[in-house]
Every structure is written in structure tokens, then in C-alpha cells.
Amino acid sequence: MDSRLLDATDRSVSLGEARRGYRGRVVCLLPTTGTGRLAPDEMERRLIEMGFIEGVEVSVIHEGPFGRDPIAVRVGAATVALRRRDAMAILTE
């Protein structure tokens, strides 16, 4: 992992920890084995397909009633629903 990525992860907030009303910008995707329901490469590909690319603005607009899961996230002009454990791979600032 290069030093620029390490610096970004030190300052970032995982989207999976964010509460309703949080607004930020995607810094990087960091899927790890065992945190999501998919393999890291597959999880990264799916998140990119949903629009979670570096620099895009995101906001948490809804939380589920039980355990605040899943969450609805505004990604640019689209709205997507994610499980919090999958959103843990999205680092924002």
C-alpha cells in the first residue's frame, strides 16, 4: 500500500459507520476479506458499477429501522441501497 493511500485511510470515515445526514466524498474503496458478502475484487467491481468512484459526493439519506441497516446513499445523481457491512469498504472524507 503506498503512502498516499495510507494517509487517506488515516483521515477517512467508512461509509458503513456514517449516520443519516452524513455528507462526504469518496476517497477510495478498500474491500477486505471477511467484511463483505463477496470476494474483495468482486465487491470493488460492484461498488464501482454503482457509482462509488474516487471523488464522487455521497450522502446517507436513510437508515433501516432495525440496527440502522441497510442504508440508502445518494451517489451523485443516483440513490442506492447498501448493507452497512458492504459500505464499510467505502472510505470517505
PDB file of N, CA and C in Angstrom:
ATOM      1  N   MET A   1       0.845  -1.170   0.000  1.00  0.00           N
ATOM      2  CA  MET A   1       0.000   0.000   0.000  1.00  0.00           C
ATOM      3  C   MET A   1       0.892   1.234   0.000  1.00  0.00           C
ATOM      4  N   ASP A   2       0.629   2.168  -0.924  1.00  0.00           N
ATOM      5  CA  ASP A   2       1.504   3.335  -0.985  1.00  0.00           C
ATOM      6  C   ASP A   2       1.162   4.339   0.122  1.00  0.00           C
ATOM      7  N   SER A   3       2.096   5.261   0.358  1.00  0.00           N
ATOM      8  CA  SER A   3       1.942   6.196   1.476  1.00  0.00           C
ATOM      9  C   SER A   3       0.754   7.136   1.291  1.00  0.00           C
ATOM     10  N   ARG A   4       0.427   7.485   0.035  1.00  0.00           N
ATOM     11  CA  ARG A   4      -0.719   8.362  -0.220  1.00  0.00           C
ATOM     12  C   ARG A   4      -2.014   7.692   0.213  1.00  0.00           C
ATOM     13  N   LEU A   5      -2.155   6.387  -0.053  1.00  0.00           N
ATOM     14  CA  LEU A   5      -3.351   5.652   0.348  1.00  0.00           C
ATOM     15  C   LEU A   5      -3.406   5.516   1.863  1.00  0.00           C
ATOM     16  N   LEU A   6      -2.267   5.257   2.501  1.00  0.00           N
ATOM     17  CA  LEU A   6      -2.247   5.165   3.961  1.00  0.00           C
ATOM     18  C   LEU A   6      -2.664   6.486   4.592  1.00  0.00           C
ATOM     19  N   ASP A   7      -2.197   7.619   4.043  1.00  0.00           N
ATOM     20  CA  ASP A   7      -2.576   8.926   4.562  1.00  0.00           C
ATOM     21  C   ASP A   7      -4.075   9.142   4.404  1.00  0.00           C
ATOM     22  N   ALA A   8      -4.629   8.751   3.257  1.00  0.00           N
ATOM     23  CA  ALA A   8      -6.065   8.921   3.006  1.00  0.00           C
ATOM     24  C   ALA A   8      -6.894   8.076   3.959  1.00  0.00           C
ATOM     25  N   THR A   9      -6.453   6.846   4.260  1.00  0.00           N
ATOM     26  CA  THR A   9      -7.218   5.987   5.155  1.00  0.00           C
ATOM     27  C   THR A   9      -7.161   6.478   6.589  1.00  0.00           C
ATOM     28  N   ASP A  10      -6.088   7.186   6.980  1.00  0.00           N
ATOM     29  CA  ASP A  10      -5.999   7.736   8.335  1.00  0.00           C
ATOM     30  C   ASP A  10      -7.043   8.816   8.577  1.00  0.00           C
ATOM     31  N   ARG A  11      -7.338   9.615   7.563  1.00  0.00           N
ATOM     32  CA  ARG A  11      -8.259  10.744   7.707  1.00  0.00           C
ATOM     33  C   ARG A  11      -9.696  10.393   7.334  1.00  0.00           C
ATOM     34  N   SER A  12      -9.922   9.217   6.828  1.00  0.00           N
ATOM     35  CA  SER A  12     -11.216   8.912   6.233  1.00  0.00           C
ATOM     36  C   SER A  12     -12.205   8.296   7.222  1.00  0.00           C
ATOM     37  N   VAL A  13     -13.463   8.312   6.810  1.00  0.00           N
ATOM     38  CA  VAL A  13     -14.564   7.721   7.555  1.00  0.00           C
ATOM     39  C   VAL A  13     -15.186   6.663   6.659  1.00  0.00           C
ATOM     40  N   SER A  14     -15.407   5.496   7.217  1.00  0.00           N
ATOM     41  CA  SER A  14     -16.070   4.464   6.440  1.00  0.00           C
ATOM     42  C   SER A  14     -17.534   4.826   6.290  1.00  0.00           C
ATOM     43  N   LEU A  15     -18.076   4.671   5.092  1.00  0.00           N
ATOM     44  CA  LEU A  15     -19.494   4.975   4.861  1.00  0.00           C
ATOM     45  C   LEU A  15     -20.386   4.053   5.687  1.00  0.00           C
ATOM     46  N   GLY A  16     -19.874   2.869   6.027  1.00  0.00           N
ATOM     47  CA  GLY A  16     -20.645   1.940   6.847  1.00  0.00           C
ATOM     48  C   GLY A  16     -20.837   2.411   8.281  1.00  0.00           C
ATOM     49  N   GLU A  17     -20.032   3.360   8.740  1.00  0.00           N
ATOM     50  CA  GLU A  17     -20.147   3.912  10.097  1.00  0.00           C
ATOM     51  C   GLU A  17     -20.918   5.227  10.129  1.00  0.00           C
ATOM     52  N   ALA A  18     -21.227   5.763   8.957  1.00  0.00           N
ATOM     53  CA  ALA A  18     -21.859   7.080   8.879  1.00  0.00           C
ATOM     54  C   ALA A  18     -23.333   7.015   9.263  1.00  0.00           C
ATOM     55  N   ARG A  19     -23.817   8.095   9.859  1.00  0.00           N
ATOM     56  CA  ARG A  19     -25.217   8.208  10.257  1.00  0.00           C
ATOM     57  C   ARG A  19     -25.998   8.980   9.200  1.00  0.00           C
ATOM     58  N   ARG A  20     -27.311   8.910   9.332  1.00  0.00           N
ATOM     59  CA  ARG A  20     -28.193   9.642   8.428  1.00  0.00           C
ATOM     60  C   ARG A  20     -27.810  11.123   8.440  1.00  0.00           C
ATOM     61  N   GLY A  21     -27.745  11.724   7.271  1.00  0.00           N
ATOM     62  CA  GLY A  21     -27.380  13.127   7.147  1.00  0.00           C
ATOM     63  C   GLY A  21     -25.913  13.346   6.841  1.00  0.00           C
ATOM     64  N   TYR A  22     -25.093  12.294   6.959  1.00  0.00           N
ATOM     65  CA  TYR A  22     -23.669  12.423   6.668  1.00  0.00           C
ATOM     66  C   TYR A  22     -23.472  12.760   5.199  1.00  0.00           C
ATOM     67  N   ARG A  23     -22.562  13.679   4.923  1.00  0.00           N
ATOM     68  CA  ARG A  23     -22.194  14.034   3.554  1.00  0.00           C
ATOM     69  C   ARG A  23     -20.679  13.972   3.435  1.00  0.00           C
ATOM     70  N   GLY A  24     -20.210  13.414   2.346  1.00  0.00           N
ATOM     71  CA  GLY A  24     -18.778  13.323   2.151  1.00  0.00           C
ATOM     72  C   GLY A  24     -18.428  13.071   0.705  1.00  0.00           C
ATOM     73  N   ARG A  25     -17.183  12.746   0.498  1.00  0.00           N
ATOM     74  CA  ARG A  25     -16.655  12.493  -0.840  1.00  0.00           C
ATOM     75  C   ARG A  25     -15.837  11.206  -0.768  1.00  0.00           C
ATOM     76  N   VAL A  26     -15.998  10.327  -1.747  1.00  0.00           N
ATOM     77  CA  VAL A  26     -15.289   9.047  -1.743  1.00  0.00           C
ATOM     78  C   VAL A  26     -13.797   9.277  -1.932  1.00  0.00           C
ATOM     79  N   VAL A  27     -13.010   8.712  -1.015  1.00  0.00           N
ATOM     80  CA  VAL A  27     -11.555   8.794  -1.088  1.00  0.00           C
ATOM     81  C   VAL A  27     -11.002   7.565  -1.815  1.00  0.00           C
ATOM     82  N   CYS A  28     -11.465   6.391  -1.417  1.00  0.00           N
ATOM     83  CA  CYS A  28     -11.031   5.162  -2.059  1.00  0.00           C
ATOM     84  C   CYS A  28     -11.942   4.008  -1.639  1.00  0.00           C
ATOM     85  N   LEU A  29     -11.833   2.912  -2.348  1.00  0.00           N
ATOM     86  CA  LEU A  29     -12.536   1.678  -1.985  1.00  0.00           C
ATOM     87  C   LEU A  29     -11.499   0.742  -1.405  1.00  0.00           C
ATOM     88  N   LEU A  30     -11.839   0.123  -0.286  1.00  0.00           N
ATOM     89  CA  LEU A  30     -10.893  -0.758   0.384  1.00  0.00           C
ATOM     90  C   LEU A  30     -11.595  -2.017   0.893  1.00  0.00           C
ATOM     91  N   PRO A  31     -12.107  -2.844  -0.039  1.00  0.00           N
ATOM     92  CA  PRO A  31     -12.761  -4.086   0.410  1.00  0.00           C
ATOM     93  C   PRO A  31     -11.729  -5.061   0.952  1.00  0.00           C
ATOM     94  N   THR A  32     -12.060  -5.716   2.041  1.00  0.00           N
ATOM     95  CA  THR A  32     -11.156  -6.696   2.637  1.00  0.00           C
ATOM     96  C   THR A  32     -11.893  -8.019   2.805  1.00  0.00           C
ATOM     97  N   THR A  33     -11.159  -9.073   2.855  1.00  0.00           N
ATOM     98  CA  THR A  33     -11.731 -10.394   3.007  1.00  0.00           C
ATOM     99  C   THR A  33     -12.436 -10.507   4.352  1.00  0.00           C
ATOM    100  N   GLY A  34     -13.644 -11.028   4.323  1.00  0.00           N
ATOM    101  CA  GLY A  34     -14.382 -11.273   5.552  1.00  0.00           C
ATOM    102  C   GLY A  34     -15.290 -10.150   6.005  1.00  0.00           C
ATOM    103  N   THR A  35     -15.184  -8.963   5.404  1.00  0.00           N
ATOM    104  CA  THR A  35     -16.058  -7.862   5.842  1.00  0.00           C
ATOM    105  C   THR A  35     -17.338  -7.794   5.037  1.00  0.00           C
ATOM    106  N   GLY A  36     -17.298  -8.136   3.779  1.00  0.00           N
ATOM    107  CA  GLY A  36     -18.478  -8.105   2.933  1.00  0.00           C
ATOM    108  C   GLY A  36     -18.932  -9.496   2.591  1.00  0.00           C
ATOM    109  N   ARG A  37     -19.985  -9.575   1.797  1.00  0.00           N
ATOM    110  CA  ARG A  37     -20.520 -10.882   1.422  1.00  0.00           C
ATOM    111  C   ARG A  37     -19.861 -11.435   0.163  1.00  0.00           C
ATOM    112  N   LEU A  38     -19.013 -10.637  -0.482  1.00  0.00           N
ATOM    113  CA  LEU A  38     -18.353 -11.037  -1.721  1.00  0.00           C
ATOM    114  C   LEU A  38     -16.841 -10.995  -1.556  1.00  0.00           C
ATOM    115  N   ALA A  39     -16.149 -11.620  -2.497  1.00  0.00           N
ATOM    116  CA  ALA A  39     -14.687 -11.524  -2.523  1.00  0.00           C
ATOM    117  C   ALA A  39     -14.305 -10.062  -2.758  1.00  0.00           C
ATOM    118  N   PRO A  40     -13.156  -9.617  -2.234  1.00  0.00           N
ATOM    119  CA  PRO A  40     -12.767  -8.206  -2.368  1.00  0.00           C
ATOM    120  C   PRO A  40     -12.788  -7.667  -3.796  1.00  0.00           C
ATOM    121  N   ASP A  41     -12.277  -8.420  -4.760  1.00  0.00           N
ATOM    122  CA  ASP A  41     -12.267  -7.938  -6.155  1.00  0.00           C
ATOM    123  C   ASP A  41     -13.680  -7.755  -6.687  1.00  0.00           C
ATOM    124  N   GLU A  42     -14.558  -8.711  -6.394  1.00  0.00           N
ATOM    125  CA  GLU A  42     -15.943  -8.632  -6.848  1.00  0.00           C
ATOM    126  C   GLU A  42     -16.665  -7.472  -6.161  1.00  0.00           C
ATOM    127  N   MET A  43     -16.428  -7.281  -4.867  1.00  0.00           N
ATOM    128  CA  MET A  43     -17.060  -6.172  -4.136  1.00  0.00           C
ATOM    129  C   MET A  43     -16.618  -4.843  -4.726  1.00  0.00           C
ATOM    130  N   GLU A  44     -15.333  -4.666  -4.999  1.00  0.00           N
ATOM    131  CA  GLU A  44     -14.837  -3.419  -5.587  1.00  0.00           C
ATOM    132  C   GLU A  44     -15.485  -3.169  -6.944  1.00  0.00           C
ATOM    133  N   ARG A  45     -15.584  -4.196  -7.768  1.00  0.00           N
ATOM    134  CA  ARG A  45     -16.192  -4.048  -9.095  1.00  0.00           C
ATOM    135  C   ARG A  45     -17.644  -3.608  -8.974  1.00  0.00           C
ATOM    136  N   ARG A  46     -18.398  -4.227  -8.082  1.00  0.00           N
ATOM    137  CA  ARG A  46     -19.813  -3.868  -7.912  1.00  0.00           C
ATOM    138  C   ARG A  46     -19.991  -2.452  -7.389  1.00  0.00           C
ATOM    139  N   LEU A  47     -19.154  -2.058  -6.444  1.00  0.00           N
ATOM    140  CA  LEU A  47     -19.257  -0.689  -5.917  1.00  0.00           C
ATOM    141  C   LEU A  47     -18.958   0.338  -7.003  1.00  0.00           C
ATOM    142  N   ILE A  48     -17.981   0.060  -7.840  1.00  0.00           N
ATOM    143  CA  ILE A  48     -17.666   0.961  -8.956  1.00  0.00           C
ATOM    144  C   ILE A  48     -18.848   1.016  -9.919  1.00  0.00           C
ATOM    145  N   GLU A  49     -19.460  -0.122 -10.203  1.00  0.00           N
ATOM    146  CA  GLU A  49     -20.636  -0.141 -11.088  1.00  0.00           C
ATOM    147  C   GLU A  49     -21.791   0.686 -10.524  1.00  0.00           C
ATOM    148  N   MET A  50     -21.896   0.756  -9.193  1.00  0.00           N
ATOM    149  CA  MET A  50     -22.966   1.547  -8.568  1.00  0.00           C
ATOM    150  C   MET A  50     -22.617   3.036  -8.520  1.00  0.00           C
ATOM    151  N   GLY A  51     -21.401   3.395  -8.922  1.00  0.00           N
ATOM    152  CA  GLY A  51     -21.031   4.802  -8.992  1.00  0.00           C
ATOM    153  C   GLY A  51     -20.101   5.282  -7.906  1.00  0.00           C
ATOM    154  N   PHE A  52     -19.646   4.382  -7.051  1.00  0.00           N
ATOM    155  CA  PHE A  52     -18.733   4.773  -5.973  1.00  0.00           C
ATOM    156  C   PHE A  52     -17.314   4.862  -6.525  1.00  0.00           C
ATOM    157  N   ILE A  53     -17.031   5.979  -7.160  1.00  0.00           N
ATOM    158  CA  ILE A  53     -15.701   6.205  -7.723  1.00  0.00           C
ATOM    159  C   ILE A  53     -15.038   7.343  -6.952  1.00  0.00           C
ATOM    160  N   GLU A  54     -13.727   7.403  -7.006  1.00  0.00           N
ATOM    161  CA  GLU A  54     -12.972   8.400  -6.258  1.00  0.00           C
ATOM    162  C   GLU A  54     -13.443   9.814  -6.604  1.00  0.00           C
ATOM    163  N   GLY A  55     -13.744  10.590  -5.579  1.00  0.00           N
ATOM    164  CA  GLY A  55     -14.123  11.987  -5.756  1.00  0.00           C
ATOM    165  C   GLY A  55     -15.619  12.250  -5.816  1.00  0.00           C
ATOM    166  N   VAL A  56     -16.440  11.227  -5.984  1.00  0.00           N
ATOM    167  CA  VAL A  56     -17.885  11.442  -6.093  1.00  0.00           C
ATOM    168  C   VAL A  56     -18.466  11.814  -4.722  1.00  0.00           C
ATOM    169  N   GLU A  57     -19.434  12.729  -4.730  1.00  0.00           N
ATOM    170  CA  GLU A  57     -20.096  13.124  -3.483  1.00  0.00           C
ATOM    171  C   GLU A  57     -21.129  12.082  -3.097  1.00  0.00           C
ATOM    172  N   VAL A  58     -21.189  11.787  -1.797  1.00  0.00           N
ATOM    173  CA  VAL A  58     -22.151  10.822  -1.277  1.00  0.00           C
ATOM    174  C   VAL A  58     -22.829  11.414  -0.041  1.00  0.00           C
ATOM    175  N   SER A  59     -24.066  10.978   0.192  1.00  0.00           N
ATOM    176  CA  SER A  59     -24.749  11.356   1.433  1.00  0.00           C
ATOM    177  C   SER A  59     -25.663  10.214   1.852  1.00  0.00           C
ATOM    178  N   VAL A  60     -25.730   9.980   3.148  1.00  0.00           N
ATOM    179  CA  VAL A  60     -26.607   8.941   3.693  1.00  0.00           C
ATOM    180  C   VAL A  60     -27.968   9.586   3.904  1.00  0.00           C
ATOM    181  N   ILE A  61     -28.981   9.102   3.175  1.00  0.00           N
ATOM    182  CA  ILE A  61     -30.294   9.748   3.224  1.00  0.00           C
ATOM    183  C   ILE A  61     -31.328   8.929   3.993  1.00  0.00           C
ATOM    184  N   HIS A  62     -31.022   7.675   4.296  1.00  0.00           N
ATOM    185  CA  HIS A  62     -31.979   6.853   5.037  1.00  0.00           C
ATOM    186  C   HIS A  62     -31.244   5.709   5.731  1.00  0.00           C
ATOM    187  N   GLU A  63     -31.753   5.340   6.912  1.00  0.00           N
ATOM    188  CA  GLU A  63     -31.233   4.180   7.635  1.00  0.00           C
ATOM    189  C   GLU A  63     -32.388   3.230   7.894  1.00  0.00           C
ATOM    190  N   GLY A  64     -32.141   1.947   7.803  1.00  0.00           N
ATOM    191  CA  GLY A  64     -33.170   0.960   8.089  1.00  0.00           C
ATOM    192  C   GLY A  64     -33.600   1.028   9.551  1.00  0.00           C
ATOM    193  N   PRO A  65     -34.801   0.521   9.863  1.00  0.00           N
ATOM    194  CA  PRO A  65     -35.346   0.645  11.215  1.00  0.00           C
ATOM    195  C   PRO A  65     -34.690  -0.273  12.248  1.00  0.00           C
ATOM    196  N   PHE A  66     -34.112  -1.378  11.814  1.00  0.00           N
ATOM    197  CA  PHE A  66     -33.514  -2.322  12.761  1.00  0.00           C
ATOM    198  C   PHE A  66     -32.003  -2.329  12.590  1.00  0.00           C
ATOM    199  N   GLY A  67     -31.293  -1.850  13.582  1.00  0.00           N
ATOM    200  CA  GLY A  67     -29.834  -1.812  13.510  1.00  0.00           C
ATOM    201  C   GLY A  67     -29.322  -0.817  12.487  1.00  0.00           C
ATOM    202  N   ARG A  68     -30.170   0.131  12.071  1.00  0.00           N
ATOM    203  CA  ARG A  68     -29.802   1.165  11.095  1.00  0.00           C
ATOM    204  C   ARG A  68     -29.270   0.547   9.801  1.00  0.00           C
ATOM    205  N   ASP A  69     -29.786  -0.615   9.432  1.00  0.00           N
ATOM    206  CA  ASP A  69     -29.302  -1.344   8.265  1.00  0.00           C
ATOM    207  C   ASP A  69     -30.496  -1.832   7.451  1.00  0.00           C
ATOM    208  N   PRO A  70     -30.485  -1.731   6.160  1.00  0.00           N
ATOM    209  CA  PRO A  70     -29.485  -1.154   5.257  1.00  0.00           C
ATOM    210  C   PRO A  70     -29.553   0.373   5.263  1.00  0.00           C
ATOM    211  N   ILE A  71     -28.687   0.977   4.460  1.00  0.00           N
ATOM    212  CA  ILE A  71     -28.700   2.430   4.315  1.00  0.00           C
ATOM    213  C   ILE A  71     -28.994   2.779   2.863  1.00  0.00           C
ATOM    214  N   ALA A  72     -29.612   3.933   2.660  1.00  0.00           N
ATOM    215  CA  ALA A  72     -29.802   4.481   1.320  1.00  0.00           C
ATOM    216  C   ALA A  72     -28.804   5.611   1.160  1.00  0.00           C
ATOM    217  N   VAL A  73     -28.071   5.568   0.079  1.00  0.00           N
ATOM    218  CA  VAL A  73     -26.995   6.528  -0.149  1.00  0.00           C
ATOM    219  C   VAL A  73     -27.221   7.238  -1.473  1.00  0.00           C
ATOM    220  N   ARG A  74     -27.124   8.533  -1.431  1.00  0.00           N
ATOM    221  CA  ARG A  74     -27.155   9.334  -2.657  1.00  0.00           C
ATOM    222  C   ARG A  74     -25.739   9.372  -3.208  1.00  0.00           C
ATOM    223  N   VAL A  75     -25.556   8.884  -4.415  1.00  0.00           N
ATOM    224  CA  VAL A  75     -24.249   8.844  -5.073  1.00  0.00           C
ATOM    225  C   VAL A  75     -24.360   9.673  -6.337  1.00  0.00           C
ATOM    226  N   GLY A  76     -23.830  10.871  -6.330  1.00  0.00           N
ATOM    227  CA  GLY A  76     -24.011  11.755  -7.474  1.00  0.00           C
ATOM    228  C   GLY A  76     -25.503  12.016  -7.646  1.00  0.00           C
ATOM    229  N   ALA A  77     -26.078  11.619  -8.797  1.00  0.00           N
ATOM    230  CA  ALA A  77     -27.496  11.835  -9.067  1.00  0.00           C
ATOM    231  C   ALA A  77     -28.331  10.591  -8.809  1.00  0.00           C
ATOM    232  N   ALA A  78     -27.728   9.504  -8.356  1.00  0.00           N
ATOM    233  CA  ALA A  78     -28.441   8.235  -8.140  1.00  0.00           C
ATOM    234  C   ALA A  78     -28.588   7.942  -6.643  1.00  0.00           C
ATOM    235  N   THR A  79     -29.555   7.085  -6.321  1.00  0.00           N
ATOM    236  CA  THR A  79     -29.737   6.612  -4.958  1.00  0.00           C
ATOM    237  C   THR A  79     -29.612   5.096  -4.964  1.00  0.00           C
ATOM    238  N   VAL A  80     -28.773   4.558  -4.061  1.00  0.00           N
ATOM    239  CA  VAL A  80     -28.574   3.116  -3.974  1.00  0.00           C
ATOM    240  C   VAL A  80     -28.738   2.673  -2.522  1.00  0.00           C
ATOM    241  N   ALA A  81     -29.159   1.427  -2.346  1.00  0.00           N
ATOM    242  CA  ALA A  81     -29.264   0.836  -1.011  1.00  0.00           C
ATOM    243  C   ALA A  81     -28.106  -0.130  -0.816  1.00  0.00           C
ATOM    244  N   LEU A  82     -27.506  -0.073   0.362  1.00  0.00           N
ATOM    245  CA  LEU A  82     -26.351  -0.918   0.686  1.00  0.00           C
ATOM    246  C   LEU A  82     -26.485  -1.478   2.088  1.00  0.00           C
ATOM    247  N   ARG A  83     -25.974  -2.680   2.286  1.00  0.00           N
ATOM    248  CA  ARG A  83     -25.807  -3.180   3.649  1.00  0.00           C
ATOM    249  C   ARG A  83     -24.622  -2.425   4.260  1.00  0.00           C
ATOM    250  N   ARG A  84     -24.706  -2.190   5.559  1.00  0.00           N
ATOM    251  CA  ARG A  84     -23.602  -1.465   6.211  1.00  0.00           C
ATOM    252  C   ARG A  84     -22.289  -2.214   6.080  1.00  0.00           C
ATOM    253  N   ARG A  85     -22.335  -3.533   6.166  1.00  0.00           N
ATOM    254  CA  ARG A  85     -21.073  -4.284   6.070  1.00  0.00           C
ATOM    255  C   ARG A  85     -20.430  -4.116   4.692  1.00  0.00           C
ATOM    256  N   ASP A  86     -21.235  -3.941   3.647  1.00  0.00           N
ATOM    257  CA  ASP A  86     -20.678  -3.680   2.322  1.00  0.00           C
ATOM    258  C   ASP A  86     -20.181  -2.241   2.216  1.00  0.00           C
ATOM    259  N   ALA A  87     -20.892  -1.317   2.875  1.00  0.00           N
ATOM    260  CA  ALA A  87     -20.494   0.088   2.840  1.00  0.00           C
ATOM    261  C   ALA A  87     -19.211   0.341   3.622  1.00  0.00           C
ATOM    262  N   MET A  88     -18.800  -0.603   4.478  1.00  0.00           N
ATOM    263  CA  MET A  88     -17.548  -0.441   5.229  1.00  0.00           C
ATOM    264  C   MET A  88     -16.344  -0.334   4.294  1.00  0.00           C
ATOM    265  N   ALA A  89     -16.480  -0.840   3.057  1.00  0.00           N
ATOM    266  CA  ALA A  89     -15.370  -0.796   2.096  1.00  0.00           C
ATOM    267  C   ALA A  89     -15.231   0.558   1.422  1.00  0.00           C
ATOM    268  N   ILE A  90     -16.168   1.478   1.665  1.00  0.00           N
ATOM    269  CA  ILE A  90     -16.138   2.792   1.009  1.00  0.00           C
ATOM    270  C   ILE A  90     -15.606   3.811   1.998  1.00  0.00           C
ATOM    271  N   LEU A  91     -14.416   4.328   1.727  1.00  0.00           N
ATOM    272  CA  LEU A  91     -13.812   5.322   2.614  1.00  0.00           C
ATOM    273  C   LEU A  91     -14.086   6.715   2.062  1.00  0.00           C
ATOM    274  N   THR A  92     -14.547   7.603   2.959  1.00  0.00           N
ATOM    275  CA  THR A  92     -14.918   8.961   2.556  1.00  0.00           C
ATOM    276  C   THR A  92     -14.231   9.979   3.464  1.00  0.00           C
ATOM    277  N   GLU A  93     -14.278  11.222   3.037  1.00  0.00           N
ATOM    278  CA  GLU A  93     -13.802  12.321   3.893  1.00  0.00           C
ATOM    279  C   GLU A  93     -14.718  13.497   3.718  1.00  0.00           C
TER     280      GLU A  93
END
